[in-house]
Amino acid sequence: MPMTKKGQKIKAAMKQEYGAKKGEQVFYASANKGTIKGVHAKKKGIMGRAIRAGK
């Protein structure tokens, strides 16, 4: 899934702090849990508008 600039920055910082493999694990675990928000770009529909989750 494409990441936002915010997501790229946070992921790089976590890789630097925890190491390459562990930093990536911590980043995705935090994103999935909801601790960090706005790190993945929203999916776009046919008309180019963002799709709401669950619909």
N, C-alpha and C. Protein backbone atom coordinates (compact mmCIF):
# COMPACT_ATOMS: atom_id res chain seq x y z
N MET A 1 0.85 -1.17 0.00
CA MET A 1 0.00 0.00 0.00
C MET A 1 0.90 1.24 0.00
N PRO A 2 0.58 2.23 -0.83
CA PRO A 2 1.41 3.43 -0.87
C PRO A 2 1.39 4.20 0.44
N MET A 3 2.53 4.76 0.78
CA MET A 3 2.64 5.51 2.03
C MET A 3 2.65 7.01 1.76
N THR A 4 2.24 7.75 2.76
CA THR A 4 2.31 9.20 2.71
C THR A 4 3.72 9.63 3.12
N LYS A 5 4.01 10.91 2.95
CA LYS A 5 5.33 11.43 3.36
C LYS A 5 5.53 11.23 4.87
N LYS A 6 4.44 11.41 5.62
CA LYS A 6 4.50 11.22 7.08
C LYS A 6 4.89 9.78 7.40
N GLY A 7 4.29 8.83 6.68
CA GLY A 7 4.59 7.42 6.90
C GLY A 7 6.03 7.07 6.57
N GLN A 8 6.53 7.62 5.48
CA GLN A 8 7.92 7.37 5.08
C GLN A 8 8.89 7.91 6.13
N LYS A 9 8.58 9.07 6.66
CA LYS A 9 9.45 9.70 7.66
C LYS A 9 9.47 8.88 8.97
N ILE A 10 8.29 8.45 9.41
CA ILE A 10 8.20 7.66 10.65
C ILE A 10 8.89 6.32 10.48
N LYS A 11 8.67 5.67 9.33
CA LYS A 11 9.27 4.36 9.07
C LYS A 11 10.80 4.46 9.07
N ALA A 12 11.33 5.50 8.44
CA ALA A 12 12.79 5.71 8.41
C ALA A 12 13.35 5.92 9.81
N ALA A 13 12.62 6.68 10.63
CA ALA A 13 13.06 6.93 12.00
C ALA A 13 13.05 5.64 12.83
N MET A 14 12.04 4.82 12.63
CA MET A 14 11.96 3.55 13.37
C MET A 14 13.04 2.58 12.93
N LYS A 15 13.34 2.57 11.63
CA LYS A 15 14.42 1.71 11.13
C LYS A 15 15.76 2.14 11.71
N GLN A 16 15.95 3.44 11.84
CA GLN A 16 17.20 3.95 12.39
C GLN A 16 17.32 3.60 13.88
N GLU A 17 16.20 3.67 14.59
CA GLU A 17 16.23 3.41 16.03
C GLU A 17 16.31 1.92 16.36
N TYR A 18 15.51 1.09 15.66
CA TYR A 18 15.40 -0.33 16.01
C TYR A 18 16.17 -1.27 15.09
N GLY A 19 16.71 -0.76 13.98
CA GLY A 19 17.35 -1.62 13.00
C GLY A 19 16.37 -1.87 11.86
N ALA A 20 16.86 -2.38 10.74
CA ALA A 20 16.04 -2.50 9.52
C ALA A 20 14.82 -3.40 9.71
N LYS A 21 15.05 -4.62 10.15
CA LYS A 21 13.95 -5.60 10.23
C LYS A 21 12.98 -5.27 11.38
N LYS A 22 13.50 -5.03 12.55
CA LYS A 22 12.67 -4.76 13.73
C LYS A 22 11.95 -3.42 13.58
N GLY A 23 12.59 -2.43 12.98
CA GLY A 23 11.97 -1.13 12.77
C GLY A 23 10.75 -1.22 11.87
N GLU A 24 10.86 -2.04 10.82
CA GLU A 24 9.73 -2.24 9.91
C GLU A 24 8.59 -2.96 10.64
N GLN A 25 8.93 -3.96 11.45
CA GLN A 25 7.91 -4.68 12.22
C GLN A 25 7.18 -3.75 13.18
N VAL A 26 7.92 -2.92 13.87
CA VAL A 26 7.33 -1.98 14.84
C VAL A 26 6.43 -0.97 14.12
N PHE A 27 6.90 -0.47 12.96
CA PHE A 27 6.13 0.50 12.19
C PHE A 27 4.77 -0.08 11.78
N TYR A 28 4.78 -1.25 11.15
CA TYR A 28 3.52 -1.83 10.67
C TYR A 28 2.61 -2.27 11.81
N ALA A 29 3.20 -2.73 12.92
CA ALA A 29 2.38 -3.10 14.08
C ALA A 29 1.69 -1.86 14.65
N SER A 30 2.41 -0.76 14.72
CA SER A 30 1.83 0.49 15.23
C SER A 30 0.75 1.02 14.30
N ALA A 31 1.00 0.94 13.00
CA ALA A 31 0.01 1.42 12.01
C ALA A 31 -1.25 0.57 12.07
N ASN A 32 -1.10 -0.75 12.16
CA ASN A 32 -2.27 -1.64 12.21
C ASN A 32 -3.06 -1.47 13.50
N LYS A 33 -2.36 -1.23 14.60
CA LYS A 33 -3.03 -1.04 15.88
C LYS A 33 -3.77 0.30 15.93
N GLY A 34 -3.28 1.28 15.18
CA GLY A 34 -3.90 2.60 15.18
C GLY A 34 -3.16 3.61 16.03
N THR A 35 -1.99 3.23 16.52
CA THR A 35 -1.19 4.14 17.33
C THR A 35 -0.73 5.33 16.50
N ILE A 36 -0.33 5.07 15.26
CA ILE A 36 0.03 6.14 14.34
C ILE A 36 -0.98 6.14 13.20
N LYS A 37 -1.47 7.30 12.86
CA LYS A 37 -2.51 7.42 11.82
C LYS A 37 -2.01 8.28 10.67
N GLY A 38 -2.60 8.08 9.52
CA GLY A 38 -2.27 8.88 8.35
C GLY A 38 -0.97 8.50 7.69
N VAL A 39 -0.56 7.24 7.84
CA VAL A 39 0.70 6.81 7.24
C VAL A 39 0.50 6.13 5.88
N HIS A 40 -0.70 5.68 5.60
CA HIS A 40 -1.00 5.04 4.32
C HIS A 40 -1.92 5.93 3.51
N ALA A 41 -1.66 6.01 2.21
CA ALA A 41 -2.50 6.80 1.32
C ALA A 41 -3.87 6.14 1.20
N LYS A 42 -4.91 6.94 1.08
CA LYS A 42 -6.26 6.41 0.95
C LYS A 42 -6.46 5.86 -0.45
N LYS A 43 -7.27 4.81 -0.57
CA LYS A 43 -7.59 4.24 -1.87
C LYS A 43 -8.54 5.16 -2.61
N LYS A 44 -8.40 5.22 -3.92
CA LYS A 44 -9.28 6.07 -4.72
C LYS A 44 -10.18 5.19 -5.58
N GLY A 45 -11.42 5.65 -5.74
CA GLY A 45 -12.41 4.92 -6.53
C GLY A 45 -12.33 5.29 -8.00
N ILE A 46 -13.33 4.92 -8.74
CA ILE A 46 -13.38 5.14 -10.18
C ILE A 46 -13.36 6.63 -10.52
N MET A 47 -14.07 7.43 -9.76
CA MET A 47 -14.17 8.85 -10.05
C MET A 47 -13.02 9.66 -9.43
N GLY A 48 -12.04 9.00 -8.81
CA GLY A 48 -10.89 9.68 -8.26
C GLY A 48 -11.09 10.18 -6.84
N ARG A 49 -12.22 9.85 -6.25
CA ARG A 49 -12.49 10.27 -4.87
C ARG A 49 -12.02 9.18 -3.91
N ALA A 50 -11.68 9.60 -2.70
CA ALA A 50 -11.25 8.65 -1.69
C ALA A 50 -12.43 7.78 -1.26
N ILE A 51 -12.15 6.50 -1.06
CA ILE A 51 -13.19 5.55 -0.64
C ILE A 51 -13.15 5.44 0.88
N ARG A 52 -14.32 5.48 1.49
CA ARG A 52 -14.38 5.31 2.93
C ARG A 52 -14.30 3.83 3.27
N ALA A 53 -13.60 3.51 4.33
CA ALA A 53 -13.46 2.11 4.76
C ALA A 53 -14.80 1.58 5.22
N GLY A 54 -15.09 0.35 4.88
CA GLY A 54 -16.33 -0.29 5.32
C GLY A 54 -17.51 -0.06 4.40
N LYS A 55 -17.32 0.64 3.31
CA LYS A 55 -18.44 0.88 2.38
C LYS A 55 -18.08 0.45 1.00
